[in-house]
Amino acid sequence: MTGQVRTVDGRVAGRRGQATRQKLLDCLGEMLSTSPYRDVKVIDVARMAGTSPATFYQYFPDVEGAVLELADEMAKEGAGLTGLVAGRSWVGKSGAQAAEELVDGFLSFWRKNDAILRVVDLGAAEGDKRFHKIRMKILNAVTHSLTDSIKDLQSKGKVDKEVSPAAVAGSLVAMLAAVAAHQKGFTGSGVKQAELKPNLALLVHLGVTGKKPAK
């Protein structure tokens, strides 16, 4: 974590305070992976971190405030997903590779951050603008880069001019997010994990280029 870390009352936290704050966040993240968000209590997070509720309240107003901190840090990492698209070629075998790496990056990011992403999705679905903003921060970075890629293909006559780059890019990213959030559920539907990535990559490639990937 970079920059100054402040307590709820505005004081700059020292090195020990920053370490305590980070430990509280780490423990909260671990609890979210095993307990429903609504069941997580300040006293439980503090106990797991080896400190007191009073210390927790020095750094966060409540559990939701701490969750938003976790989500914001995750969103900064998620913005890096745009690197999987920006400046990539979608022509020939390069396009197939770009589609595969985008799918793999999405699925990996969601697996790594599954617990906090579930909370973000819940908050966004309930109309909480703070969680909605964080969700959009993650998705928009990829959507904008994918939109630019489709526009570039259009300018070269490789994609039909009637295609809306923004609509296609937004739909593809929404599909990736939805599938990534339900990776475990596909097993119960008879879909093998080994089949998921290549078929998703096929759909992404078809959506961006209008063609099957080159072999």
C-alpha atoms as a PDB file:
ATOM      1  CA  MET A   1       0.000   0.000   0.000  1.00  0.00           C
ATOM      2  CA  THR A   2       1.461   3.361  -1.013  1.00  0.00           C
ATOM      3  CA  GLY A   3       0.902   6.896   0.185  1.00  0.00           C
ATOM      4  CA  GLN A   4      -0.115   8.096   3.607  1.00  0.00           C
ATOM      5  CA  VAL A   5      -2.525   5.973   5.589  1.00  0.00           C
ATOM      6  CA  ARG A   6      -4.804   7.898   7.904  1.00  0.00           C
ATOM      7  CA  THR A   7      -6.997   6.904  10.795  1.00  0.00           C
ATOM      8  CA  VAL A   8     -10.716   7.659  10.849  1.00  0.00           C
ATOM      9  CA  ASP A   9     -10.050  10.906  12.751  1.00  0.00           C
ATOM     10  CA  GLY A  10      -7.477  12.064  10.191  1.00  0.00           C
ATOM     11  CA  ARG A  11      -4.206  11.219  11.927  1.00  0.00           C
ATOM     12  CA  VAL A  12      -1.377   9.790   9.812  1.00  0.00           C
ATOM     13  CA  ALA A  13      -0.751   6.176  10.824  1.00  0.00           C
ATOM     14  CA  GLY A  14       2.793   5.144  11.652  1.00  0.00           C
ATOM     15  CA  ARG A  15       4.489   2.000  10.403  1.00  0.00           C
ATOM     16  CA  ARG A  16       2.972  -0.161  13.128  1.00  0.00           C
ATOM     17  CA  GLY A  17      -0.469   1.339  12.531  1.00  0.00           C
ATOM     18  CA  GLN A  18      -0.219   0.673   8.800  1.00  0.00           C
ATOM     19  CA  ALA A  19       0.747  -2.925   9.490  1.00  0.00           C
ATOM     20  CA  THR A  20      -2.204  -3.335  11.855  1.00  0.00           C
ATOM     21  CA  ARG A  21      -4.578  -1.809   9.318  1.00  0.00           C
ATOM     22  CA  GLN A  22      -3.324  -4.121   6.584  1.00  0.00           C
ATOM     23  CA  LYS A  23      -3.633  -7.157   8.862  1.00  0.00           C
ATOM     24  CA  LEU A  24      -7.256  -6.221   9.552  1.00  0.00           C
ATOM     25  CA  LEU A  25      -7.902  -6.016   5.807  1.00  0.00           C
ATOM     26  CA  ASP A  26      -6.162  -9.340   5.200  1.00  0.00           C
ATOM     27  CA  CYS A  27      -8.226 -11.026   7.909  1.00  0.00           C
ATOM     28  CA  LEU A  28     -11.417  -9.496   6.541  1.00  0.00           C
ATOM     29  CA  GLY A  29     -10.593 -10.799   3.076  1.00  0.00           C
ATOM     30  CA  GLU A  30     -10.001 -14.265   4.488  1.00  0.00           C
ATOM     31  CA  MET A  31     -13.289 -14.198   6.394  1.00  0.00           C
ATOM     32  CA  LEU A  32     -15.212 -13.126   3.298  1.00  0.00           C
ATOM     33  CA  SER A  33     -13.957 -16.240   1.525  1.00  0.00           C
ATOM     34  CA  THR A  34     -15.563 -18.508   4.126  1.00  0.00           C
ATOM     35  CA  SER A  35     -18.512 -16.520   5.537  1.00  0.00           C
ATOM     36  CA  PRO A  36     -21.453 -14.601   4.028  1.00  0.00           C
ATOM     37  CA  TYR A  37     -20.740 -10.865   3.897  1.00  0.00           C
ATOM     38  CA  ARG A  38     -23.673 -10.014   6.189  1.00  0.00           C
ATOM     39  CA  ASP A  39     -22.393 -12.413   8.853  1.00  0.00           C
ATOM     40  CA  VAL A  40     -18.955 -10.810   9.208  1.00  0.00           C
ATOM     41  CA  LYS A  41     -18.719  -8.743  12.391  1.00  0.00           C
ATOM     42  CA  VAL A  42     -16.121  -6.226  13.546  1.00  0.00           C
ATOM     43  CA  ILE A  43     -15.390  -8.194  16.702  1.00  0.00           C
ATOM     44  CA  ASP A  44     -14.653 -11.339  14.666  1.00  0.00           C
ATOM     45  CA  VAL A  45     -12.283  -9.519  12.293  1.00  0.00           C
ATOM     46  CA  ALA A  46     -10.490  -7.873  15.220  1.00  0.00           C
ATOM     47  CA  ARG A  47     -10.173 -11.156  17.090  1.00  0.00           C
ATOM     48  CA  MET A  48      -8.738 -12.901  14.048  1.00  0.00           C
ATOM     49  CA  ALA A  49      -6.218 -10.079  13.619  1.00  0.00           C
ATOM     50  CA  GLY A  50      -5.226 -10.337  17.274  1.00  0.00           C
ATOM     51  CA  THR A  51      -6.467  -6.875  18.181  1.00  0.00           C
ATOM     52  CA  SER A  52      -9.595  -5.158  19.532  1.00  0.00           C
ATOM     53  CA  PRO A  53     -12.756  -3.688  17.978  1.00  0.00           C
ATOM     54  CA  ALA A  54     -11.569  -0.281  19.209  1.00  0.00           C
ATOM     55  CA  THR A  55      -8.464  -0.636  17.057  1.00  0.00           C
ATOM     56  CA  PHE A  56     -10.569  -1.654  14.070  1.00  0.00           C
ATOM     57  CA  TYR A  57     -12.644   1.525  14.440  1.00  0.00           C
ATOM     58  CA  GLN A  58      -9.481   3.612  14.397  1.00  0.00           C
ATOM     59  CA  TYR A  59      -9.061   2.719  10.736  1.00  0.00           C
ATOM     60  CA  PHE A  60     -12.532   1.905   9.412  1.00  0.00           C
ATOM     61  CA  PRO A  61     -16.028   3.213  10.243  1.00  0.00           C
ATOM     62  CA  ASP A  62     -17.529  -0.293   9.943  1.00  0.00           C
ATOM     63  CA  VAL A  63     -17.150  -3.596   8.090  1.00  0.00           C
ATOM     64  CA  GLU A  64     -18.622  -2.099   4.925  1.00  0.00           C
ATOM     65  CA  GLY A  65     -16.035   0.675   4.968  1.00  0.00           C
ATOM     66  CA  ALA A  66     -13.240  -1.885   5.217  1.00  0.00           C
ATOM     67  CA  VAL A  67     -14.796  -3.941   2.418  1.00  0.00           C
ATOM     68  CA  LEU A  68     -14.816  -0.850   0.196  1.00  0.00           C
ATOM     69  CA  GLU A  69     -11.108  -0.413   0.894  1.00  0.00           C
ATOM     70  CA  LEU A  70     -10.464  -4.002  -0.186  1.00  0.00           C
ATOM     71  CA  ALA A  71     -12.628  -3.545  -3.259  1.00  0.00           C
ATOM     72  CA  ASP A  72     -10.880  -0.345  -4.270  1.00  0.00           C
ATOM     73  CA  GLU A  73      -7.456  -2.003  -4.060  1.00  0.00           C
ATOM     74  CA  MET A  74      -8.772  -4.897  -6.127  1.00  0.00           C
ATOM     75  CA  ALA A  75     -10.184  -2.500  -8.736  1.00  0.00           C
ATOM     76  CA  LYS A  76      -6.751  -0.926  -9.180  1.00  0.00           C
ATOM     77  CA  GLU A  77      -5.373  -4.369  -9.923  1.00  0.00           C
ATOM     78  CA  GLY A  78      -8.309  -5.122 -12.218  1.00  0.00           C
ATOM     79  CA  ALA A  79      -7.603  -2.022 -14.282  1.00  0.00           C
ATOM     80  CA  GLY A  80      -4.458  -3.837 -15.377  1.00  0.00           C
ATOM     81  CA  LEU A  81      -6.618  -6.228 -17.394  1.00  0.00           C
ATOM     82  CA  THR A  82      -6.680  -3.584 -20.115  1.00  0.00           C
ATOM     83  CA  GLY A  83      -3.077  -4.555 -20.862  1.00  0.00           C
ATOM     84  CA  LEU A  84      -4.415  -7.833 -22.240  1.00  0.00           C
ATOM     85  CA  VAL A  85      -6.190  -5.892 -25.006  1.00  0.00           C
ATOM     86  CA  ALA A  86      -4.550  -2.511 -25.566  1.00  0.00           C
ATOM     87  CA  GLY A  87      -2.329  -2.450 -28.632  1.00  0.00           C
ATOM     88  CA  ARG A  88      -2.881  -6.116 -29.456  1.00  0.00           C
ATOM     89  CA  SER A  89      -3.282  -7.367 -32.993  1.00  0.00           C
ATOM     90  CA  TRP A  90      -6.450  -9.306 -33.781  1.00  0.00           C
ATOM     91  CA  VAL A  91      -5.302 -10.420 -37.216  1.00  0.00           C
ATOM     92  CA  GLY A  92      -4.417 -14.050 -37.929  1.00  0.00           C
ATOM     93  CA  LYS A  93      -2.891 -16.164 -35.164  1.00  0.00           C
ATOM     94  CA  SER A  94      -2.235 -13.037 -33.096  1.00  0.00           C
ATOM     95  CA  GLY A  95      -5.992 -12.603 -32.751  1.00  0.00           C
ATOM     96  CA  ALA A  96      -6.417 -16.136 -31.453  1.00  0.00           C
ATOM     97  CA  GLN A  97      -3.675 -15.541 -28.899  1.00  0.00           C
ATOM     98  CA  ALA A  98      -5.195 -12.211 -27.824  1.00  0.00           C
ATOM     99  CA  ALA A  99      -8.588 -13.851 -27.266  1.00  0.00           C
ATOM    100  CA  GLU A 100      -7.063 -16.722 -25.274  1.00  0.00           C
ATOM    101  CA  GLU A 101      -5.007 -14.418 -23.048  1.00  0.00           C
ATOM    102  CA  LEU A 102      -7.957 -12.111 -22.396  1.00  0.00           C
ATOM    103  CA  VAL A 103     -10.127 -15.056 -21.329  1.00  0.00           C
ATOM    104  CA  ASP A 104      -7.364 -16.540 -19.183  1.00  0.00           C
ATOM    105  CA  GLY A 105      -6.721 -13.153 -17.539  1.00  0.00           C
ATOM    106  CA  PHE A 106     -10.395 -12.633 -16.728  1.00  0.00           C
ATOM    107  CA  LEU A 107     -10.900 -16.097 -15.275  1.00  0.00           C
ATOM    108  CA  SER A 108      -7.697 -15.897 -13.224  1.00  0.00           C
ATOM    109  CA  PHE A 109      -8.537 -12.443 -11.843  1.00  0.00           C
ATOM    110  CA  TRP A 110     -12.014 -13.587 -10.791  1.00  0.00           C
ATOM    111  CA  ARG A 111     -10.700 -16.752  -9.143  1.00  0.00           C
ATOM    112  CA  LYS A 112      -8.122 -14.760  -7.194  1.00  0.00           C
ATOM    113  CA  ASN A 113     -10.642 -12.142  -6.029  1.00  0.00           C
ATOM    114  CA  ASP A 114     -13.787 -14.268  -5.920  1.00  0.00           C
ATOM    115  CA  ALA A 115     -14.779 -13.379  -2.348  1.00  0.00           C
ATOM    116  CA  ILE A 116     -14.580  -9.602  -2.655  1.00  0.00           C
ATOM    117  CA  LEU A 117     -16.049  -9.614  -6.181  1.00  0.00           C
ATOM    118  CA  ARG A 118     -19.127 -11.429  -4.864  1.00  0.00           C
ATOM    119  CA  VAL A 119     -19.603  -8.632  -2.323  1.00  0.00           C
ATOM    120  CA  VAL A 120     -19.097  -5.976  -5.006  1.00  0.00           C
ATOM    121  CA  ASP A 121     -21.673  -7.673  -7.240  1.00  0.00           C
ATOM    122  CA  LEU A 122     -24.119  -7.896  -4.335  1.00  0.00           C
ATOM    123  CA  GLY A 123     -23.705  -4.240  -3.430  1.00  0.00           C
ATOM    124  CA  ALA A 124     -24.018  -3.137  -7.059  1.00  0.00           C
ATOM    125  CA  ALA A 125     -27.147  -5.280  -7.531  1.00  0.00           C
ATOM    126  CA  GLU A 126     -28.684  -3.660  -4.466  1.00  0.00           C
ATOM    127  CA  GLY A 127     -28.143  -0.219  -5.978  1.00  0.00           C
ATOM    128  CA  ASP A 128     -25.150   0.883  -3.905  1.00  0.00           C
ATOM    129  CA  LYS A 129     -23.424   3.407  -6.174  1.00  0.00           C
ATOM    130  CA  ARG A 130     -20.078   2.932  -4.446  1.00  0.00           C
ATOM    131  CA  PHE A 131     -19.929  -0.762  -5.332  1.00  0.00           C
ATOM    132  CA  HIS A 132     -21.347  -0.067  -8.797  1.00  0.00           C
ATOM    133  CA  LYS A 133     -18.554   2.446  -9.432  1.00  0.00           C
ATOM    134  CA  ILE A 134     -15.908  -0.086  -8.426  1.00  0.00           C
ATOM    135  CA  ARG A 135     -17.425  -2.772 -10.655  1.00  0.00           C
ATOM    136  CA  MET A 136     -17.505  -0.378 -13.608  1.00  0.00           C
ATOM    137  CA  LYS A 137     -13.909   0.663 -12.949  1.00  0.00           C
ATOM    138  CA  ILE A 138     -12.829  -2.930 -13.506  1.00  0.00           C
ATOM    139  CA  LEU A 139     -15.007  -3.639 -16.539  1.00  0.00           C
ATOM    140  CA  ASN A 140     -14.748  -0.284 -18.331  1.00  0.00           C
ATOM    141  CA  ALA A 141     -10.974  -0.433 -18.632  1.00  0.00           C
ATOM    142  CA  VAL A 142     -11.245  -3.603 -20.725  1.00  0.00           C
ATOM    143  CA  THR A 143     -14.375  -2.468 -22.570  1.00  0.00           C
ATOM    144  CA  HIS A 144     -12.753   0.744 -23.783  1.00  0.00           C
ATOM    145  CA  SER A 145      -9.640  -1.062 -25.031  1.00  0.00           C
ATOM    146  CA  LEU A 146     -11.727  -3.725 -26.756  1.00  0.00           C
ATOM    147  CA  THR A 147     -13.860  -1.008 -28.351  1.00  0.00           C
ATOM    148  CA  ASP A 148     -10.717   0.610 -29.763  1.00  0.00           C
ATOM    149  CA  SER A 149      -9.569  -2.749 -31.151  1.00  0.00           C
ATOM    150  CA  ILE A 150     -12.851  -3.259 -33.011  1.00  0.00           C
ATOM    151  CA  LYS A 151     -12.792   0.328 -34.324  1.00  0.00           C
ATOM    152  CA  ASP A 152      -9.279  -0.283 -35.628  1.00  0.00           C
ATOM    153  CA  LEU A 153     -10.417  -3.415 -37.466  1.00  0.00           C
ATOM    154  CA  GLN A 154     -13.337  -1.449 -38.915  1.00  0.00           C
ATOM    155  CA  SER A 155     -11.021   1.265 -40.204  1.00  0.00           C
ATOM    156  CA  LYS A 156      -9.057  -1.424 -42.052  1.00  0.00           C
ATOM    157  CA  GLY A 157     -12.209  -2.929 -43.571  1.00  0.00           C
ATOM    158  CA  LYS A 158     -11.925  -6.139 -41.566  1.00  0.00           C
ATOM    159  CA  VAL A 159     -15.162  -5.636 -39.577  1.00  0.00           C
ATOM    160  CA  ASP A 160     -18.574  -4.618 -40.948  1.00  0.00           C
ATOM    161  CA  LYS A 161     -19.180  -0.872 -40.571  1.00  0.00           C
ATOM    162  CA  GLU A 162     -22.681  -1.529 -39.214  1.00  0.00           C
ATOM    163  CA  VAL A 163     -21.219  -3.198 -36.130  1.00  0.00           C
ATOM    164  CA  SER A 164     -21.260  -1.019 -33.005  1.00  0.00           C
ATOM    165  CA  PRO A 165     -17.796  -1.424 -31.419  1.00  0.00           C
ATOM    166  CA  ALA A 166     -18.957  -0.195 -28.008  1.00  0.00           C
ATOM    167  CA  ALA A 167     -22.003  -2.482 -27.955  1.00  0.00           C
ATOM    168  CA  VAL A 168     -20.008  -5.554 -28.990  1.00  0.00           C
ATOM    169  CA  ALA A 169     -17.159  -4.804 -26.571  1.00  0.00           C
ATOM    170  CA  GLY A 170     -19.553  -4.159 -23.688  1.00  0.00           C
ATOM    171  CA  SER A 171     -21.449  -7.370 -24.377  1.00  0.00           C
ATOM    172  CA  LEU A 172     -18.267  -9.448 -24.555  1.00  0.00           C
ATOM    173  CA  VAL A 173     -16.920  -8.031 -21.301  1.00  0.00           C
ATOM    174  CA  ALA A 174     -20.267  -8.578 -19.564  1.00  0.00           C
ATOM    175  CA  MET A 175     -20.237 -12.166 -20.795  1.00  0.00           C
ATOM    176  CA  LEU A 176     -16.692 -12.713 -19.523  1.00  0.00           C
ATOM    177  CA  ALA A 177     -17.544 -11.235 -16.128  1.00  0.00           C
ATOM    178  CA  ALA A 178     -20.677 -13.366 -15.790  1.00  0.00           C
ATOM    179  CA  VAL A 179     -18.915 -16.581 -16.781  1.00  0.00           C
ATOM    180  CA  ALA A 180     -15.903 -15.799 -14.599  1.00  0.00           C
ATOM    181  CA  ALA A 181     -18.181 -15.263 -11.600  1.00  0.00           C
ATOM    182  CA  HIS A 182     -19.784 -18.689 -12.057  1.00  0.00           C
ATOM    183  CA  GLN A 183     -16.806 -20.864 -12.971  1.00  0.00           C
ATOM    184  CA  LYS A 184     -17.571 -23.426 -10.272  1.00  0.00           C
ATOM    185  CA  GLY A 185     -21.196 -23.670 -11.357  1.00  0.00           C
ATOM    186  CA  PHE A 186     -20.311 -24.902 -14.824  1.00  0.00           C
ATOM    187  CA  THR A 187     -19.035 -28.192 -13.436  1.00  0.00           C
ATOM    188  CA  GLY A 188     -22.514 -28.985 -12.133  1.00  0.00           C
ATOM    189  CA  SER A 189     -23.895 -28.291 -15.610  1.00  0.00           C
ATOM    190  CA  GLY A 190     -21.639 -30.839 -17.226  1.00  0.00           C
ATOM    191  CA  VAL A 191     -19.148 -28.299 -18.612  1.00  0.00           C
ATOM    192  CA  LYS A 192     -15.538 -29.268 -18.004  1.00  0.00           C
ATOM    193  CA  GLN A 193     -13.127 -26.533 -16.954  1.00  0.00           C
ATOM    194  CA  ALA A 194     -10.799 -27.600 -19.766  1.00  0.00           C
ATOM    195  CA  GLU A 195     -13.587 -26.829 -22.257  1.00  0.00           C
ATOM    196  CA  LEU A 196     -14.444 -23.432 -20.834  1.00  0.00           C
ATOM    197  CA  LYS A 197     -11.406 -21.389 -21.874  1.00  0.00           C
ATOM    198  CA  PRO A 198     -11.167 -22.400 -25.555  1.00  0.00           C
ATOM    199  CA  ASN A 199     -14.887 -21.966 -26.140  1.00  0.00           C
ATOM    200  CA  LEU A 200     -14.940 -18.576 -24.432  1.00  0.00           C
ATOM    201  CA  ALA A 201     -11.916 -17.549 -26.503  1.00  0.00           C
ATOM    202  CA  LEU A 202     -13.807 -18.646 -29.640  1.00  0.00           C
ATOM    203  CA  LEU A 203     -16.776 -16.439 -28.721  1.00  0.00           C
ATOM    204  CA  VAL A 204     -14.524 -13.464 -27.948  1.00  0.00           C
ATOM    205  CA  HIS A 205     -12.648 -13.844 -31.233  1.00  0.00           C
ATOM    206  CA  LEU A 206     -15.892 -14.168 -33.189  1.00  0.00           C
ATOM    207  CA  GLY A 207     -17.289 -11.097 -31.450  1.00  0.00           C
ATOM    208  CA  VAL A 208     -14.255  -8.920 -32.130  1.00  0.00           C
ATOM    209  CA  THR A 209     -13.359 -10.052 -35.653  1.00  0.00           C
ATOM    210  CA  GLY A 210     -16.498 -11.759 -36.967  1.00  0.00           C
ATOM    211  CA  LYS A 211     -14.352 -14.746 -37.860  1.00  0.00           C
ATOM    212  CA  LYS A 212     -13.164 -18.024 -36.336  1.00  0.00           C
ATOM    213  CA  PRO A 213      -9.617 -17.951 -34.954  1.00  0.00           C
ATOM    214  CA  ALA A 214      -6.828 -18.874 -37.354  1.00  0.00           C
ATOM    215  CA  LYS A 215      -5.246 -22.258 -36.649  1.00  0.00           C
END
